[in-house]
Amino acid sequence: NPDYKFSSWMYRIAHNEAMNAVKKNRQLYTQDIDTLPEFSYDQHIDELIDRKLLNKDVHGCLESLGPKYRDVVQLAYLEHIKYEEISDILRIPTSTVGVRLSRAKSLLKEICTNRGVER
């Protein structure tokens, strides 16, 4: 579709391949995304992500997120892609991108806190 960016198309292909690999290795995942608890949003997590996302400890925390949250965080913070393009890549509504990113930040905060990662 010429209305979409080429990069969105490439990310979509990469995303689909990654999801196929995850499905093949499902038994490696011990926690299902739907069983993760909800946490309230804390604006301090923005500072944590901005300062330490490239830090090794935070990358370890990021790896603990389920794919649907990890994908949004990686596209938004590591690839610096706008919500609209993330929406195209993941084929989800733009509002869902924001919701997943907010939930992912809360989960990252909880995971990093449990692991003793300091701000």
N, C-alpha and C. Protein backbone atom coordinates (compact mmCIF):
# COMPACT_ATOMS: atom_id res chain seq x y z
N ASN A 1 0.85 -1.17 0.00
CA ASN A 1 0.00 0.00 0.00
C ASN A 1 0.90 1.24 0.00
N PRO A 2 0.82 2.08 -1.02
CA PRO A 2 1.69 3.25 -1.12
C PRO A 2 1.41 4.31 -0.05
N ASP A 3 0.32 4.19 0.68
CA ASP A 3 0.01 5.15 1.73
C ASP A 3 0.90 4.96 2.97
N TYR A 4 1.50 3.79 3.12
CA TYR A 4 2.33 3.49 4.28
C TYR A 4 3.80 3.69 3.94
N LYS A 5 4.59 3.98 4.96
CA LYS A 5 6.03 4.14 4.78
C LYS A 5 6.68 2.77 4.53
N PHE A 6 7.76 2.77 3.77
CA PHE A 6 8.50 1.55 3.51
C PHE A 6 9.04 0.96 4.81
N SER A 7 9.52 1.84 5.71
CA SER A 7 10.08 1.35 6.97
C SER A 7 9.02 0.62 7.80
N SER A 8 7.78 1.10 7.75
CA SER A 8 6.70 0.41 8.47
C SER A 8 6.51 -1.00 7.94
N TRP A 9 6.59 -1.14 6.65
CA TRP A 9 6.45 -2.45 6.01
C TRP A 9 7.58 -3.38 6.45
N MET A 10 8.81 -2.85 6.47
CA MET A 10 9.96 -3.67 6.88
C MET A 10 9.85 -4.08 8.35
N TYR A 11 9.46 -3.14 9.20
CA TYR A 11 9.28 -3.47 10.61
C TYR A 11 8.20 -4.53 10.77
N ARG A 12 7.14 -4.44 9.98
CA ARG A 12 6.05 -5.42 10.07
C ARG A 12 6.55 -6.82 9.71
N ILE A 13 7.36 -6.91 8.69
CA ILE A 13 7.93 -8.21 8.30
C ILE A 13 8.81 -8.75 9.44
N ALA A 14 9.66 -7.89 9.98
CA ALA A 14 10.54 -8.31 11.08
C ALA A 14 9.70 -8.73 12.30
N HIS A 15 8.67 -7.97 12.58
CA HIS A 15 7.80 -8.29 13.71
C HIS A 15 7.13 -9.65 13.50
N ASN A 16 6.59 -9.88 12.32
CA ASN A 16 5.94 -11.16 12.04
C ASN A 16 6.90 -12.33 12.19
N GLU A 17 8.12 -12.17 11.70
CA GLU A 17 9.12 -13.23 11.83
C GLU A 17 9.47 -13.49 13.30
N ALA A 18 9.59 -12.41 14.06
CA ALA A 18 9.89 -12.56 15.49
C ALA A 18 8.75 -13.27 16.21
N MET A 19 7.52 -12.91 15.88
CA MET A 19 6.37 -13.54 16.52
C MET A 19 6.27 -15.02 16.13
N ASN A 20 6.62 -15.36 14.90
CA ASN A 20 6.65 -16.77 14.49
C ASN A 20 7.67 -17.54 15.31
N ALA A 21 8.83 -16.93 15.56
CA ALA A 21 9.86 -17.58 16.37
C ALA A 21 9.37 -17.76 17.80
N VAL A 22 8.69 -16.76 18.34
CA VAL A 22 8.16 -16.85 19.70
C VAL A 22 7.14 -17.98 19.78
N LYS A 23 6.26 -18.08 18.81
CA LYS A 23 5.24 -19.13 18.83
C LYS A 23 5.87 -20.51 18.77
N LYS A 24 6.95 -20.65 18.00
CA LYS A 24 7.62 -21.94 17.91
C LYS A 24 8.28 -22.32 19.23
N ASN A 25 8.72 -21.32 19.98
CA ASN A 25 9.43 -21.56 21.24
C ASN A 25 8.60 -21.15 22.44
N ARG A 26 7.29 -21.29 22.35
CA ARG A 26 6.36 -20.85 23.40
C ARG A 26 6.71 -21.46 24.75
N GLN A 27 7.18 -22.68 24.78
CA GLN A 27 7.44 -23.35 26.04
C GLN A 27 8.57 -22.66 26.82
N LEU A 28 9.36 -21.82 26.16
CA LEU A 28 10.44 -21.12 26.85
C LEU A 28 9.93 -19.99 27.73
N TYR A 29 8.71 -19.53 27.48
CA TYR A 29 8.15 -18.43 28.24
C TYR A 29 7.39 -18.97 29.44
N THR A 30 7.73 -18.49 30.61
CA THR A 30 7.11 -18.99 31.83
C THR A 30 5.91 -18.18 32.26
N GLN A 31 5.77 -16.97 31.73
CA GLN A 31 4.66 -16.11 32.11
C GLN A 31 3.90 -15.66 30.88
N ASP A 32 2.60 -15.81 30.91
CA ASP A 32 1.77 -15.35 29.81
C ASP A 32 1.46 -13.88 30.03
N ILE A 33 1.42 -13.11 28.96
CA ILE A 33 1.18 -11.67 29.04
C ILE A 33 -0.11 -11.37 29.78
N ASP A 34 -1.15 -12.13 29.53
CA ASP A 34 -2.45 -11.85 30.12
C ASP A 34 -2.48 -12.07 31.62
N THR A 35 -1.52 -12.81 32.17
CA THR A 35 -1.51 -13.07 33.61
C THR A 35 -0.70 -12.03 34.37
N LEU A 36 -0.06 -11.10 33.67
CA LEU A 36 0.72 -10.07 34.35
C LEU A 36 -0.22 -9.09 35.04
N PRO A 37 0.11 -8.67 36.25
CA PRO A 37 -0.76 -7.74 36.97
C PRO A 37 -0.72 -6.33 36.39
N GLU A 38 -1.78 -5.57 36.59
CA GLU A 38 -1.83 -4.18 36.19
C GLU A 38 -1.20 -3.33 37.29
N PHE A 39 -0.47 -2.30 36.92
CA PHE A 39 0.11 -1.37 37.88
C PHE A 39 -0.29 0.04 37.50
N SER A 40 -0.41 0.88 38.50
CA SER A 40 -0.76 2.27 38.20
C SER A 40 0.45 2.97 37.58
N TYR A 41 0.16 3.97 36.78
CA TYR A 41 1.20 4.71 36.06
C TYR A 41 1.89 5.68 37.00
N ASP A 42 3.18 5.73 36.92
CA ASP A 42 3.99 6.65 37.71
C ASP A 42 4.89 7.42 36.76
N GLN A 43 4.80 8.75 36.77
CA GLN A 43 5.56 9.55 35.82
C GLN A 43 7.06 9.45 36.03
N HIS A 44 7.49 8.99 37.19
CA HIS A 44 8.93 8.85 37.43
C HIS A 44 9.55 7.78 36.53
N ILE A 45 8.75 6.86 36.03
CA ILE A 45 9.28 5.83 35.15
C ILE A 45 9.81 6.44 33.85
N ASP A 46 9.22 7.56 33.41
CA ASP A 46 9.72 8.24 32.22
C ASP A 46 11.19 8.61 32.40
N GLU A 47 11.52 9.14 33.57
CA GLU A 47 12.90 9.52 33.86
C GLU A 47 13.80 8.29 33.88
N LEU A 48 13.30 7.20 34.46
CA LEU A 48 14.08 5.96 34.53
C LEU A 48 14.38 5.44 33.13
N ILE A 49 13.36 5.43 32.27
CA ILE A 49 13.55 4.92 30.92
C ILE A 49 14.49 5.83 30.13
N ASP A 50 14.28 7.14 30.23
CA ASP A 50 15.12 8.08 29.48
C ASP A 50 16.59 7.98 29.88
N ARG A 51 16.86 7.84 31.18
CA ARG A 51 18.25 7.83 31.64
C ARG A 51 18.93 6.49 31.51
N LYS A 52 18.19 5.40 31.67
CA LYS A 52 18.84 4.11 31.79
C LYS A 52 18.41 3.05 30.79
N LEU A 53 17.68 3.43 29.77
CA LEU A 53 17.19 2.41 28.84
C LEU A 53 18.33 1.66 28.19
N LEU A 54 19.43 2.34 27.92
CA LEU A 54 20.56 1.68 27.29
C LEU A 54 21.46 0.97 28.29
N ASN A 55 21.14 1.12 29.56
CA ASN A 55 21.89 0.46 30.62
C ASN A 55 21.65 -1.05 30.57
N LYS A 56 22.66 -1.81 30.82
CA LYS A 56 22.56 -3.27 30.77
C LYS A 56 21.47 -3.83 31.68
N ASP A 57 21.36 -3.29 32.89
CA ASP A 57 20.35 -3.78 33.82
C ASP A 57 18.93 -3.55 33.31
N VAL A 58 18.70 -2.39 32.72
CA VAL A 58 17.37 -2.08 32.21
C VAL A 58 17.06 -2.94 31.00
N HIS A 59 18.08 -3.20 30.18
CA HIS A 59 17.85 -4.11 29.05
C HIS A 59 17.43 -5.48 29.55
N GLY A 60 18.00 -5.92 30.66
CA GLY A 60 17.57 -7.19 31.25
C GLY A 60 16.12 -7.14 31.70
N CYS A 61 15.73 -6.00 32.28
CA CYS A 61 14.33 -5.82 32.69
C CYS A 61 13.43 -5.81 31.47
N LEU A 62 13.87 -5.15 30.41
CA LEU A 62 13.09 -5.08 29.17
C LEU A 62 12.86 -6.46 28.59
N GLU A 63 13.85 -7.32 28.69
CA GLU A 63 13.71 -8.68 28.18
C GLU A 63 12.67 -9.48 28.97
N SER A 64 12.37 -9.04 30.18
CA SER A 64 11.36 -9.73 30.99
C SER A 64 9.94 -9.38 30.59
N LEU A 65 9.78 -8.30 29.82
CA LEU A 65 8.44 -7.93 29.37
C LEU A 65 7.94 -8.91 28.31
N GLY A 66 6.65 -9.07 28.24
CA GLY A 66 6.07 -9.88 27.18
C GLY A 66 6.23 -9.18 25.84
N PRO A 67 6.12 -9.91 24.75
CA PRO A 67 6.36 -9.35 23.42
C PRO A 67 5.48 -8.15 23.06
N LYS A 68 4.22 -8.16 23.47
CA LYS A 68 3.35 -7.07 23.04
C LYS A 68 3.74 -5.75 23.70
N TYR A 69 4.31 -5.80 24.89
CA TYR A 69 4.78 -4.59 25.54
C TYR A 69 6.22 -4.25 25.13
N ARG A 70 7.05 -5.26 25.04
CA ARG A 70 8.45 -5.04 24.67
C ARG A 70 8.55 -4.42 23.27
N ASP A 71 7.73 -4.89 22.33
CA ASP A 71 7.77 -4.35 20.96
C ASP A 71 7.50 -2.85 20.95
N VAL A 72 6.49 -2.42 21.70
CA VAL A 72 6.13 -1.00 21.71
C VAL A 72 7.25 -0.17 22.33
N VAL A 73 7.83 -0.65 23.43
CA VAL A 73 8.92 0.08 24.08
C VAL A 73 10.12 0.18 23.15
N GLN A 74 10.47 -0.91 22.51
CA GLN A 74 11.64 -0.90 21.63
C GLN A 74 11.42 0.03 20.44
N LEU A 75 10.25 -0.01 19.85
CA LEU A 75 9.98 0.86 18.70
C LEU A 75 9.96 2.33 19.12
N ALA A 76 9.35 2.63 20.25
CA ALA A 76 9.22 4.03 20.69
C ALA A 76 10.53 4.60 21.23
N TYR A 77 11.23 3.83 22.06
CA TYR A 77 12.41 4.38 22.74
C TYR A 77 13.74 4.03 22.08
N LEU A 78 13.86 2.86 21.52
CA LEU A 78 15.13 2.50 20.89
C LEU A 78 15.18 2.93 19.42
N GLU A 79 14.06 2.82 18.74
CA GLU A 79 14.00 3.19 17.32
C GLU A 79 13.47 4.61 17.11
N HIS A 80 12.95 5.22 18.16
CA HIS A 80 12.42 6.60 18.11
C HIS A 80 11.36 6.77 17.02
N ILE A 81 10.44 5.83 16.98
CA ILE A 81 9.36 5.85 15.98
C ILE A 81 8.12 6.45 16.63
N LYS A 82 7.41 7.26 15.87
CA LYS A 82 6.19 7.92 16.38
C LYS A 82 5.06 6.91 16.52
N TYR A 83 4.10 7.26 17.39
CA TYR A 83 2.97 6.40 17.68
C TYR A 83 2.24 5.96 16.41
N GLU A 84 2.02 6.88 15.49
CA GLU A 84 1.27 6.57 14.27
C GLU A 84 1.96 5.49 13.45
N GLU A 85 3.28 5.59 13.37
CA GLU A 85 4.02 4.58 12.60
C GLU A 85 4.07 3.24 13.35
N ILE A 86 4.19 3.30 14.67
CA ILE A 86 4.14 2.07 15.46
C ILE A 86 2.80 1.39 15.25
N SER A 87 1.76 2.20 15.19
CA SER A 87 0.41 1.68 14.93
C SER A 87 0.37 0.94 13.60
N ASP A 88 0.99 1.50 12.57
CA ASP A 88 1.04 0.84 11.26
C ASP A 88 1.84 -0.45 11.32
N ILE A 89 2.97 -0.40 12.00
CA ILE A 89 3.87 -1.57 12.07
C ILE A 89 3.19 -2.74 12.78
N LEU A 90 2.59 -2.45 13.93
CA LEU A 90 1.99 -3.50 14.75
C LEU A 90 0.54 -3.80 14.40
N ARG A 91 0.00 -2.98 13.51
CA ARG A 91 -1.41 -3.11 13.10
C ARG A 91 -2.36 -3.08 14.28
N ILE A 92 -2.15 -2.05 15.10
CA ILE A 92 -3.03 -1.79 16.23
C ILE A 92 -3.40 -0.31 16.20
N PRO A 93 -4.51 0.08 16.83
CA PRO A 93 -4.87 1.50 16.85
C PRO A 93 -3.82 2.33 17.58
N THR A 94 -3.70 3.59 17.20
CA THR A 94 -2.74 4.49 17.82
C THR A 94 -2.99 4.60 19.33
N SER A 95 -4.24 4.62 19.73
CA SER A 95 -4.56 4.70 21.16
C SER A 95 -4.04 3.47 21.91
N THR A 96 -4.06 2.32 21.25
CA THR A 96 -3.55 1.09 21.87
C THR A 96 -2.04 1.17 22.07
N VAL A 97 -1.36 1.84 21.14
CA VAL A 97 0.09 2.04 21.29
C VAL A 97 0.35 2.78 22.60
N GLY A 98 -0.39 3.87 22.83
CA GLY A 98 -0.22 4.64 24.05
C GLY A 98 -0.53 3.84 25.31
N VAL A 99 -1.59 3.05 25.26
CA VAL A 99 -1.97 2.23 26.42
C VAL A 99 -0.90 1.19 26.70
N ARG A 100 -0.45 0.51 25.66
CA ARG A 100 0.59 -0.52 25.86
C ARG A 100 1.89 0.09 26.38
N LEU A 101 2.24 1.27 25.86
CA LEU A 101 3.46 1.92 26.31
C LEU A 101 3.35 2.31 27.79
N SER A 102 2.20 2.82 28.18
CA SER A 102 1.98 3.18 29.58
C SER A 102 2.05 1.95 30.48
N ARG A 103 1.41 0.88 30.07
CA ARG A 103 1.45 -0.37 30.86
C ARG A 103 2.87 -0.95 30.90
N ALA A 104 3.55 -0.87 29.78
CA ALA A 104 4.93 -1.38 29.72
C ALA A 104 5.83 -0.60 30.67
N LYS A 105 5.67 0.71 30.73
CA LYS A 105 6.47 1.52 31.65
C LYS A 105 6.21 1.11 33.09
N SER A 106 4.96 0.90 33.43
CA SER A 106 4.62 0.47 34.79
C SER A 106 5.23 -0.89 35.09
N LEU A 107 5.13 -1.80 34.15
CA LEU A 107 5.71 -3.13 34.34
C LEU A 107 7.23 -3.06 34.45
N LEU A 108 7.84 -2.23 33.61
CA LEU A 108 9.30 -2.07 33.68
C LEU A 108 9.72 -1.53 35.04
N LYS A 109 8.96 -0.57 35.54
CA LYS A 109 9.28 -0.02 36.86
C LYS A 109 9.23 -1.11 37.91
N GLU A 110 8.19 -1.91 37.88
CA GLU A 110 8.04 -2.98 38.86
C GLU A 110 9.16 -4.02 38.72
N ILE A 111 9.45 -4.43 37.50
CA ILE A 111 10.50 -5.42 37.26
C ILE A 111 11.85 -4.88 37.72
N CYS A 112 12.16 -3.64 37.33
CA CYS A 112 13.45 -3.05 37.70
C CYS A 112 13.56 -2.86 39.22
N THR A 113 12.47 -2.46 39.86
CA THR A 113 12.47 -2.30 41.31
C THR A 113 12.73 -3.64 41.99
N ASN A 114 12.06 -4.68 41.51
CA ASN A 114 12.26 -6.02 42.09
C ASN A 114 13.68 -6.52 41.90
N ARG A 115 14.33 -6.09 40.85
CA ARG A 115 15.71 -6.52 40.57
C ARG A 115 16.73 -5.60 41.24
N GLY A 116 16.26 -4.54 41.87
CA GLY A 116 17.18 -3.63 42.57
C GLY A 116 17.88 -2.65 41.65
N VAL A 117 17.33 -2.40 40.48
CA VAL A 117 17.93 -1.42 39.58
C VAL A 117 17.57 -0.04 40.10
N GLU A 118 18.58 0.77 40.42
CA GLU A 118 18.38 2.10 40.98
C GLU A 118 18.17 3.12 39.89
N ARG A 119 17.42 4.19 40.22
CA ARG A 119 17.21 5.28 39.27
C ARG A 119 18.37 6.21 39.25
